Protein backbone atom coordinates (compact mmCIF):
# COMPACT_ATOMS: atom_id res chain seq x y z
CA MET A 1 9.91 3.59 -8.98
CA LYS A 2 7.21 6.20 -9.35
CA ILE A 3 4.48 6.99 -6.82
CA GLU A 4 1.31 9.04 -7.18
CA CYS A 5 -0.77 9.95 -4.15
CA LYS A 6 -4.34 11.16 -4.10
CA LYS A 7 -6.55 11.94 -1.11
CA ILE A 8 -10.10 10.57 -1.15
CA ASN A 9 -11.92 11.78 1.98
CA ARG A 10 -9.63 10.58 4.80
CA THR A 11 -7.95 7.91 2.68
CA LEU A 12 -4.66 8.17 0.84
CA LEU A 13 -4.69 6.28 -2.46
CA VAL A 14 -1.12 5.38 -3.42
CA LYS A 15 -0.44 4.28 -7.02
CA LEU A 16 2.83 2.39 -7.20
CA TYR A 17 4.74 1.88 -10.44
CA GLY A 18 7.69 -0.38 -11.22
CA GLU A 19 9.48 -2.59 -8.73
CA ILE A 20 9.29 -2.65 -4.96
CA ASP A 21 12.67 -3.88 -3.82
CA HIS A 22 15.46 -2.94 -1.41
CA HIS A 23 16.61 -0.17 -3.77
CA PHE A 24 13.33 1.74 -3.48
CA THR A 25 11.54 0.82 -0.22
CA GLU A 26 13.03 3.67 1.82
CA ASP A 27 11.99 6.27 -0.78
CA ILE A 28 8.52 4.74 -1.04
CA ARG A 29 8.14 4.76 2.74
CA ASP A 30 9.26 8.39 3.07
CA LYS A 31 6.98 9.66 0.29
CA ILE A 32 3.92 7.80 1.56
CA ASP A 33 4.47 8.84 5.20
CA ARG A 34 5.01 12.47 4.28
CA GLU A 35 1.85 12.61 2.14
CA PHE A 36 -0.25 10.61 4.64
CA ASN A 37 0.58 13.01 7.47
CA LYS A 38 0.42 16.18 5.34
CA GLN A 39 -3.06 15.26 4.07
CA GLY A 40 -4.33 14.22 7.53
CA CYS A 41 -5.37 10.77 6.33
CA GLN A 42 -6.64 7.84 8.36
CA ASN A 43 -6.70 4.97 5.83
CA ILE A 44 -4.37 3.93 3.06
CA ILE A 45 -5.03 2.07 -0.18
CA LEU A 46 -2.03 0.68 -2.07
CA ASP A 47 -2.52 0.25 -5.81
CA PHE A 48 -0.38 -2.60 -7.17
CA GLU A 49 -1.78 -2.61 -10.72
CA ASN A 50 1.49 -1.29 -12.17
CA VAL A 51 3.92 -3.17 -9.93
CA GLY A 52 5.76 -5.86 -11.85
CA PHE A 53 7.91 -7.18 -9.02
CA MET A 54 8.11 -7.05 -5.23
CA ASP A 55 10.71 -8.69 -3.02
CA SER A 56 10.71 -9.34 0.72
CA SER A 57 11.87 -5.80 1.53
CA GLY A 58 8.41 -4.64 0.47
CA ILE A 59 6.88 -6.61 3.34
CA GLY A 60 8.40 -4.34 5.99
CA MET A 61 7.44 -1.22 4.07
CA ILE A 62 3.83 -2.41 3.79
CA ILE A 63 3.59 -3.46 7.45
CA GLY A 64 4.87 -0.03 8.45
CA ARG A 65 2.15 1.69 6.41
CA TYR A 66 -0.43 -0.68 7.95
CA LYS A 67 0.74 0.32 11.45
CA MET A 68 0.72 4.01 10.50
CA ALA A 69 -2.93 3.78 9.45
CA GLN A 70 -3.78 1.69 12.52
CA ASP A 71 -2.24 4.36 14.79
CA LYS A 72 -4.72 6.87 13.31
CA GLY A 73 -7.65 4.48 13.87
CA GLY A 74 -7.68 3.50 10.20
CA LYS A 75 -6.97 0.50 8.01
CA ALA A 76 -4.77 -0.44 5.09
CA TYR A 77 -6.03 -1.94 1.84
CA ALA A 78 -4.44 -3.14 -1.39
CA TYR A 79 -5.71 -3.95 -4.86
CA GLY A 80 -4.48 -5.03 -8.26
CA LEU A 81 -1.87 -7.48 -7.01
CA LYS A 82 -0.12 -9.46 -9.74
CA ASP A 83 1.13 -13.03 -9.22
CA ASN A 84 4.50 -12.07 -7.68
CA ALA A 85 3.05 -9.61 -5.15
CA LYS A 86 0.07 -11.86 -4.42
CA ARG A 87 2.44 -14.75 -3.63
CA ILE A 88 4.46 -12.57 -1.22
CA PHE A 89 1.28 -11.35 0.47
CA ASP A 90 0.13 -14.96 0.91
CA MET A 91 3.47 -16.41 2.07
CA SER A 92 4.17 -13.58 4.55
CA GLY A 93 0.65 -13.37 5.95
CA LEU A 94 0.19 -9.75 4.79
CA ASN A 95 -3.19 -10.76 3.39
CA LYS A 96 -4.33 -11.41 6.99
CA LEU A 97 -3.50 -7.81 7.99
CA ILE A 98 -4.42 -5.96 4.82
CA SER A 99 -7.66 -6.48 2.92
CA CYS A 100 -6.87 -7.22 -0.73
CA PHE A 101 -9.20 -6.51 -3.63
CA GLU A 102 -9.22 -6.91 -7.39
CA THR A 103 -10.26 -3.32 -8.21
CA LYS A 104 -9.94 0.21 -6.86
CA GLU A 105 -13.73 0.48 -6.59
CA GLU A 106 -13.92 -2.62 -4.39
CA ALA A 107 -11.19 -1.24 -2.11
CA ILE A 108 -12.80 2.20 -1.82
CA ASN A 109 -16.26 0.75 -1.19
CA SER A 110 -14.93 -1.45 1.62
CA ILE A 111 -13.88 1.52 3.76
């Protein structure tokens, strides 16, 4: 699992690569939290374009990042979800908490 973070104004854009499963969620969480706080961000956008698989352990990781942004008065967004991740978002209700978009531009423009 590889992660790239980029600050855009007060928003942390997180590009995720590979699989989000119980082997990687703790590392993902730690890296995102560290960068979010270091950069002084308020919102978070999760880029799922390069995520091939996500299991239920990703739900907790995502909800935690949603709460982290909410605690700063911000919001969490996601884009580029493939079928597997989209199904988990729908079944778990994540799509009711986190606004999901097709493209990065749509996510950025919604802030």
